[in-house]
PDB file of all heavy atoms in Angstrom:
ATOM      1  N   CYS A   1      65.953 120.087 249.970  1.00  0.00           N
ATOM      2  CA  CYS A   1      65.432 119.394 251.146  1.00  0.00           C
ATOM      3  C   CYS A   1      65.533 117.893 250.908  1.00  0.00           C
ATOM      4  O   CYS A   1      64.971 117.384 249.937  1.00  0.00           O
ATOM      5  CB  CYS A   1      63.975 119.758 251.399  1.00  0.00           C
ATOM      6  SG  CYS A   1      63.692 121.462 251.817  1.00  0.00           S
ATOM      7  N   ASN A   2      66.223 117.193 251.773  1.00  0.00           N
ATOM      8  CA  ASN A   2      66.310 115.730 251.693  1.00  0.00           C
ATOM      9  C   ASN A   2      66.616 115.226 250.290  1.00  0.00           C
ATOM     10  O   ASN A   2      65.885 114.429 249.726  1.00  0.00           O
ATOM     11  CB  ASN A   2      65.016 115.089 252.203  1.00  0.00           C
ATOM     12  CG  ASN A   2      64.726 115.479 253.629  1.00  0.00           C
ATOM     13  OD1 ASN A   2      65.635 115.707 254.416  1.00  0.00           O
ATOM     14  ND2 ASN A   2      63.462 115.568 253.984  1.00  0.00           N
ATOM     15  N   ASN A   3      67.700 115.697 249.706  1.00  0.00           N
ATOM     16  CA  ASN A   3      68.136 115.279 248.365  1.00  0.00           C
ATOM     17  C   ASN A   3      67.144 115.617 247.270  1.00  0.00           C
ATOM     18  O   ASN A   3      67.114 114.979 246.226  1.00  0.00           O
ATOM     19  CB  ASN A   3      68.457 113.785 248.339  1.00  0.00           C
ATOM     20  CG  ASN A   3      69.598 113.446 249.273  1.00  0.00           C
ATOM     21  OD1 ASN A   3      70.569 114.193 249.356  1.00  0.00           O
ATOM     22  ND2 ASN A   3      69.488 112.342 249.980  1.00  0.00           N
ATOM     23  N   CYS A   4      66.285 116.593 247.494  1.00  0.00           N
ATOM     24  CA  CYS A   4      65.320 117.051 246.500  1.00  0.00           C
ATOM     25  C   CYS A   4      65.514 118.550 246.304  1.00  0.00           C
ATOM     26  O   CYS A   4      65.639 119.292 247.273  1.00  0.00           O
ATOM     27  CB  CYS A   4      63.891 116.767 246.982  1.00  0.00           C
ATOM     28  SG  CYS A   4      62.629 117.427 245.901  1.00  0.00           S
ATOM     29  N   TYR A   5      65.563 118.989 245.055  1.00  0.00           N
ATOM     30  CA  TYR A   5      65.676 120.411 244.747  1.00  0.00           C
ATOM     31  C   TYR A   5      64.286 120.971 244.517  1.00  0.00           C
ATOM     32  O   TYR A   5      63.514 120.420 243.742  1.00  0.00           O
ATOM     33  CB  TYR A   5      66.541 120.621 243.502  1.00  0.00           C
ATOM     34  CG  TYR A   5      67.952 120.143 243.709  1.00  0.00           C
ATOM     35  CD1 TYR A   5      68.351 118.900 243.239  1.00  0.00           C
ATOM     36  CD2 TYR A   5      68.877 120.927 244.397  1.00  0.00           C
ATOM     37  CE1 TYR A   5      69.647 118.453 243.442  1.00  0.00           C
ATOM     38  CE2 TYR A   5      70.165 120.476 244.602  1.00  0.00           C
ATOM     39  CZ  TYR A   5      70.547 119.238 244.123  1.00  0.00           C
ATOM     40  OH  TYR A   5      71.815 118.801 244.332  1.00  0.00           O
ATOM     41  N   ILE A   6      63.972 122.063 245.201  1.00  0.00           N
ATOM     42  CA  ILE A   6      62.642 122.660 245.108  1.00  0.00           C
ATOM     43  C   ILE A   6      62.790 124.096 244.617  1.00  0.00           C
ATOM     44  O   ILE A   6      63.566 124.871 245.172  1.00  0.00           O
ATOM     45  CB  ILE A   6      61.922 122.627 246.471  1.00  0.00           C
ATOM     46  CG1 ILE A   6      61.778 121.173 246.940  1.00  0.00           C
ATOM     47  CG2 ILE A   6      60.566 123.312 246.380  1.00  0.00           C
ATOM     48  CD1 ILE A   6      61.302 121.024 248.360  1.00  0.00           C
ATOM     49  N   ILE A   7      62.044 124.428 243.570  1.00  0.00           N
ATOM     50  CA  ILE A   7      62.049 125.771 242.993  1.00  0.00           C
ATOM     51  C   ILE A   7      60.618 126.286 243.042  1.00  0.00           C
ATOM     52  O   ILE A   7      59.710 125.644 242.519  1.00  0.00           O
ATOM     53  CB  ILE A   7      62.557 125.747 241.538  1.00  0.00           C
ATOM     54  CG1 ILE A   7      63.983 125.187 241.492  1.00  0.00           C
ATOM     55  CG2 ILE A   7      62.481 127.144 240.935  1.00  0.00           C
ATOM     56  CD1 ILE A   7      64.463 124.836 240.104  1.00  0.00           C
ATOM     57  N   ILE A   8      60.417 127.437 243.671  1.00  0.00           N
ATOM     58  CA  ILE A   8      59.099 128.057 243.735  1.00  0.00           C
ATOM     59  C   ILE A   8      59.201 129.387 242.985  1.00  0.00           C
ATOM     60  O   ILE A   8      59.963 130.274 243.378  1.00  0.00           O
ATOM     61  CB  ILE A   8      58.635 128.289 245.190  1.00  0.00           C
ATOM     62  CG1 ILE A   8      58.684 126.983 245.983  1.00  0.00           C
ATOM     63  CG2 ILE A   8      57.219 128.875 245.202  1.00  0.00           C
ATOM     64  CD1 ILE A   8      58.378 127.145 247.461  1.00  0.00           C
ATOM     65  N   GLU A   9      58.455 129.499 241.902  1.00  0.00           N
ATOM     66  CA  GLU A   9      58.500 130.692 241.066  1.00  0.00           C
ATOM     67  C   GLU A   9      57.446 131.710 241.488  1.00  0.00           C
ATOM     68  O   GLU A   9      56.458 131.357 242.123  1.00  0.00           O
ATOM     69  CB  GLU A   9      58.276 130.306 239.607  1.00  0.00           C
ATOM     70  CG  GLU A   9      59.335 129.356 239.074  1.00  0.00           C
ATOM     71  CD  GLU A   9      59.051 128.878 237.672  1.00  0.00           C
ATOM     72  OE1 GLU A   9      57.859 128.743 237.301  1.00  0.00           O
ATOM     73  OE2 GLU A   9      60.028 128.629 236.935  1.00  0.00           O
ATOM     74  N   ASN A  10      57.662 132.963 241.116  1.00  0.00           N
ATOM     75  CA  ASN A  10      56.706 134.061 241.344  1.00  0.00           C
ATOM     76  C   ASN A  10      56.397 134.307 242.813  1.00  0.00           C
ATOM     77  O   ASN A  10      55.253 134.566 243.184  1.00  0.00           O
ATOM     78  CB  ASN A  10      55.417 133.821 240.554  1.00  0.00           C
ATOM     79  CG  ASN A  10      55.686 133.714 239.077  1.00  0.00           C
ATOM     80  OD1 ASN A  10      56.404 134.538 238.518  1.00  0.00           O
ATOM     81  ND2 ASN A  10      55.145 132.691 238.443  1.00  0.00           N
ATOM     82  N   VAL A  11      57.409 134.230 243.657  1.00  0.00           N
ATOM     83  CA  VAL A  11      57.245 134.477 245.094  1.00  0.00           C
ATOM     84  C   VAL A  11      57.269 135.984 245.338  1.00  0.00           C
ATOM     85  O   VAL A  11      58.217 136.664 244.930  1.00  0.00           O
ATOM     86  CB  VAL A  11      58.381 133.794 245.893  1.00  0.00           C
ATOM     87  CG1 VAL A  11      58.267 134.117 247.376  1.00  0.00           C
ATOM     88  CG2 VAL A  11      58.376 132.293 245.657  1.00  0.00           C
ATOM     89  N   PRO A  12      56.261 136.541 245.995  1.00  0.00           N
ATOM     90  CA  PRO A  12      56.256 137.979 246.289  1.00  0.00           C
ATOM     91  C   PRO A  12      57.405 138.337 247.233  1.00  0.00           C
ATOM     92  O   PRO A  12      57.689 137.603 248.178  1.00  0.00           O
ATOM     93  CB  PRO A  12      54.913 138.213 246.988  1.00  0.00           C
ATOM     94  CG  PRO A  12      54.119 136.983 246.813  1.00  0.00           C
ATOM     95  CD  PRO A  12      55.049 135.875 246.485  1.00  0.00           C
ATOM     96  N   CYS A  13      58.070 139.447 246.947  1.00  0.00           N
ATOM     97  CA  CYS A  13      59.179 139.890 247.790  1.00  0.00           C
ATOM     98  C   CYS A  13      59.282 141.406 247.730  1.00  0.00           C
ATOM     99  O   CYS A  13      58.599 142.058 246.946  1.00  0.00           O
ATOM    100  CB  CYS A  13      60.493 139.258 247.338  1.00  0.00           C
ATOM    101  SG  CYS A  13      61.123 139.891 245.769  1.00  0.00           S
ATOM    102  N   LEU A  14      60.142 141.945 248.561  1.00  0.00           N
ATOM    103  CA  LEU A  14      60.527 143.348 248.499  1.00  0.00           C
ATOM    104  C   LEU A  14      61.954 143.366 247.974  1.00  0.00           C
ATOM    105  O   LEU A  14      62.821 142.648 248.493  1.00  0.00           O
ATOM    106  CB  LEU A  14      60.461 144.000 249.871  1.00  0.00           C
ATOM    107  CG  LEU A  14      59.073 144.079 250.493  1.00  0.00           C
ATOM    108  CD1 LEU A  14      59.178 144.587 251.936  1.00  0.00           C
ATOM    109  CD2 LEU A  14      58.188 144.994 249.677  1.00  0.00           C
ATOM    110  N   LYS A  15      62.212 144.155 246.927  1.00  0.00           N
ATOM    111  CA  LYS A  15      63.532 144.181 246.307  1.00  0.00           C
ATOM    112  C   LYS A  15      64.074 145.608 246.306  1.00  0.00           C
ATOM    113  O   LYS A  15      63.374 146.556 245.949  1.00  0.00           O
ATOM    114  CB  LYS A  15      63.460 143.651 244.882  1.00  0.00           C
ATOM    115  CG  LYS A  15      64.804 143.507 244.221  1.00  0.00           C
ATOM    116  CD  LYS A  15      64.696 142.783 242.892  1.00  0.00           C
ATOM    117  CE  LYS A  15      66.062 142.566 242.288  1.00  0.00           C
ATOM    118  NZ  LYS A  15      65.987 141.772 241.062  1.00  0.00           N
ATOM    119  N   CYS A  16      65.333 145.736 246.682  1.00  0.00           N
ATOM    120  CA  CYS A  16      65.996 147.029 246.730  1.00  0.00           C
ATOM    121  C   CYS A  16      66.366 147.480 245.325  1.00  0.00           C
ATOM    122  O   CYS A  16      66.975 146.723 244.560  1.00  0.00           O
ATOM    123  CB  CYS A  16      67.252 146.942 247.599  1.00  0.00           C
ATOM    124  SG  CYS A  16      68.197 148.477 247.649  1.00  0.00           S
ATOM    125  N   ASP A  17      66.032 148.739 244.998  1.00  0.00           N
ATOM    126  CA  ASP A  17      66.368 149.261 243.672  1.00  0.00           C
ATOM    127  C   ASP A  17      67.838 149.677 243.573  1.00  0.00           C
ATOM    128  O   ASP A  17      68.341 149.938 242.487  1.00  0.00           O
ATOM    129  CB  ASP A  17      65.454 150.422 243.290  1.00  0.00           C
ATOM    130  CG  ASP A  17      65.536 151.617 244.228  1.00  0.00           C
ATOM    131  OD1 ASP A  17      66.402 151.634 245.132  1.00  0.00           O
ATOM    132  OD2 ASP A  17      64.718 152.534 244.066  1.00  0.00           O
ATOM    133  N   GLN A  18      68.548 149.697 244.694  1.00  0.00           N
ATOM    134  CA  GLN A  18      69.962 150.077 244.702  1.00  0.00           C
ATOM    135  C   GLN A  18      70.883 148.855 244.642  1.00  0.00           C
ATOM    136  O   GLN A  18      71.701 148.741 243.757  1.00  0.00           O
ATOM    137  CB  GLN A  18      70.271 150.899 245.957  1.00  0.00           C
ATOM    138  CG  GLN A  18      71.699 151.366 246.083  1.00  0.00           C
ATOM    139  CD  GLN A  18      72.032 152.477 245.099  1.00  0.00           C
ATOM    140  OE1 GLN A  18      71.162 153.232 244.705  1.00  0.00           O
ATOM    141  NE2 GLN A  18      73.284 152.559 244.713  1.00  0.00           N
ATOM    142  N   CYS A  19      70.724 147.931 245.596  1.00  0.00           N
ATOM    143  CA  CYS A  19      71.645 146.793 245.693  1.00  0.00           C
ATOM    144  C   CYS A  19      71.047 145.477 245.197  1.00  0.00           C
ATOM    145  O   CYS A  19      71.763 144.499 245.043  1.00  0.00           O
ATOM    146  CB  CYS A  19      72.149 146.632 247.123  1.00  0.00           C
ATOM    147  SG  CYS A  19      70.910 146.069 248.313  1.00  0.00           S
ATOM    148  N   GLY A  20      69.726 145.441 245.004  1.00  0.00           N
ATOM    149  CA  GLY A  20      69.089 144.225 244.501  1.00  0.00           C
ATOM    150  C   GLY A  20      68.753 143.195 245.561  1.00  0.00           C
ATOM    151  O   GLY A  20      68.250 142.118 245.254  1.00  0.00           O
ATOM    152  N   GLU A  21      69.037 143.502 246.826  1.00  0.00           N
ATOM    153  CA  GLU A  21      68.727 142.578 247.914  1.00  0.00           C
ATOM    154  C   GLU A  21      67.224 142.312 247.958  1.00  0.00           C
ATOM    155  O   GLU A  21      66.415 143.221 247.772  1.00  0.00           O
ATOM    156  CB  GLU A  21      69.201 143.151 249.243  1.00  0.00           C
ATOM    157  CG  GLU A  21      69.083 142.210 250.411  1.00  0.00           C
ATOM    158  CD  GLU A  21      70.077 141.060 250.345  1.00  0.00           C
ATOM    159  OE1 GLU A  21      71.176 141.227 249.798  1.00  0.00           O
ATOM    160  OE2 GLU A  21      69.738 139.980 250.863  1.00  0.00           O
ATOM    161  N   GLU A  22      66.852 141.055 248.211  1.00  0.00           N
ATOM    162  CA  GLU A  22      65.435 140.665 248.266  1.00  0.00           C
ATOM    163  C   GLU A  22      65.089 140.224 249.680  1.00  0.00           C
ATOM    164  O   GLU A  22      65.875 139.534 250.331  1.00  0.00           O
ATOM    165  CB  GLU A  22      65.164 139.523 247.290  1.00  0.00           C
ATOM    166  CG  GLU A  22      65.400 139.913 245.849  1.00  0.00           C
ATOM    167  CD  GLU A  22      65.281 138.750 244.883  1.00  0.00           C
ATOM    168  OE1 GLU A  22      65.369 137.582 245.318  1.00  0.00           O
ATOM    169  OE2 GLU A  22      65.122 139.018 243.692  1.00  0.00           O
ATOM    170  N   PHE A  23      63.911 140.623 250.133  1.00  0.00           N
ATOM    171  CA  PHE A  23      63.420 140.249 251.451  1.00  0.00           C
ATOM    172  C   PHE A  23      62.025 139.660 251.320  1.00  0.00           C
ATOM    173  O   PHE A  23      61.203 140.171 250.562  1.00  0.00           O
ATOM    174  CB  PHE A  23      63.360 141.472 252.381  1.00  0.00           C
ATOM    175  CG  PHE A  23      64.699 142.076 252.661  1.00  0.00           C
ATOM    176  CD1 PHE A  23      65.180 143.116 251.884  1.00  0.00           C
ATOM    177  CD2 PHE A  23      65.482 141.606 253.706  1.00  0.00           C
ATOM    178  CE1 PHE A  23      66.418 143.679 252.134  1.00  0.00           C
ATOM    179  CE2 PHE A  23      66.727 142.166 253.959  1.00  0.00           C
ATOM    180  CZ  PHE A  23      67.191 143.210 253.172  1.00  0.00           C
ATOM    181  N   LEU A  24      61.756 138.599 252.085  1.00  0.00           N
ATOM    182  CA  LEU A  24      60.428 137.997 252.139  1.00  0.00           C
ATOM    183  C   LEU A  24      59.733 138.482 253.398  1.00  0.00           C
ATOM    184  O   LEU A  24      60.357 138.575 254.462  1.00  0.00           O
ATOM    185  CB  LEU A  24      60.530 136.472 252.165  1.00  0.00           C
ATOM    186  CG  LEU A  24      61.243 135.811 250.992  1.00  0.00           C
ATOM    187  CD1 LEU A  24      61.292 134.305 251.199  1.00  0.00           C
ATOM    188  CD2 LEU A  24      60.574 136.145 249.680  1.00  0.00           C
ATOM    189  N   THR A  25      58.438 138.771 253.286  1.00  0.00           N
ATOM    190  CA  THR A  25      57.681 139.127 254.479  1.00  0.00           C
ATOM    191  C   THR A  25      57.465 137.872 255.317  1.00  0.00           C
ATOM    192  O   THR A  25      57.616 136.747 254.828  1.00  0.00           O
ATOM    193  CB  THR A  25      56.316 139.738 254.110  1.00  0.00           C
ATOM    194  OG1 THR A  25      55.548 138.762 253.418  1.00  0.00           O
ATOM    195  CG2 THR A  25      56.478 140.997 253.261  1.00  0.00           C
ATOM    196  N   ALA A  26      57.107 138.064 256.575  1.00  0.00           N
ATOM    197  CA  ALA A  26      56.892 136.927 257.467  1.00  0.00           C
ATOM    198  C   ALA A  26      55.762 136.035 256.960  1.00  0.00           C
ATOM    199  O   ALA A  26      55.862 134.806 257.030  1.00  0.00           O
ATOM    200  CB  ALA A  26      56.588 137.416 258.879  1.00  0.00           C
ATOM    201  N   SER A  27      54.704 136.633 256.416  1.00  0.00           N
ATOM    202  CA  SER A  27      53.579 135.814 255.939  1.00  0.00           C
ATOM    203  C   SER A  27      53.979 134.978 254.730  1.00  0.00           C
ATOM    204  O   SER A  27      53.582 133.818 254.616  1.00  0.00           O
ATOM    205  CB  SER A  27      52.365 136.691 255.612  1.00  0.00           C
ATOM    206  OG  SER A  27      52.671 137.585 254.565  1.00  0.00           O
ATOM    207  N   VAL A  28      54.788 135.542 253.821  1.00  0.00           N
ATOM    208  CA  VAL A  28      55.257 134.780 252.664  1.00  0.00           C
ATOM    209  C   VAL A  28      56.185 133.656 253.125  1.00  0.00           C
ATOM    210  O   VAL A  28      56.083 132.521 252.658  1.00  0.00           O
ATOM    211  CB  VAL A  28      55.959 135.697 251.642  1.00  0.00           C
ATOM    212  CG1 VAL A  28      56.668 134.897 250.570  1.00  0.00           C
ATOM    213  CG2 VAL A  28      54.950 136.648 251.003  1.00  0.00           C
ATOM    214  N   ALA A  29      57.080 133.950 254.064  1.00  0.00           N
ATOM    215  CA  ALA A  29      57.991 132.924 254.588  1.00  0.00           C
ATOM    216  C   ALA A  29      57.214 131.795 255.257  1.00  0.00           C
ATOM    217  O   ALA A  29      57.559 130.614 255.082  1.00  0.00           O
ATOM    218  CB  ALA A  29      58.976 133.551 255.567  1.00  0.00           C
ATOM    219  N   ASP A  30      56.150 132.121 255.991  1.00  0.00           N
ATOM    220  CA  ASP A  30      55.316 131.096 256.622  1.00  0.00           C
ATOM    221  C   ASP A  30      54.635 130.220 255.571  1.00  0.00           C
ATOM    222  O   ASP A  30      54.565 128.999 255.724  1.00  0.00           O
ATOM    223  CB  ASP A  30      54.253 131.728 257.520  1.00  0.00           C
ATOM    224  CG  ASP A  30      54.835 132.299 258.799  1.00  0.00           C
ATOM    225  OD1 ASP A  30      55.988 131.928 259.152  1.00  0.00           O
ATOM    226  OD2 ASP A  30      54.152 133.117 259.451  1.00  0.00           O
TER     227      ASP A  30
END
């Protein structure tokens, strides 16, 4: 964002055990 790199660790997500795709819930995204 605006020439700044932002890393947020330990974000809750849903992860697929087959393909590894990660999804954030709407509340986490907000």
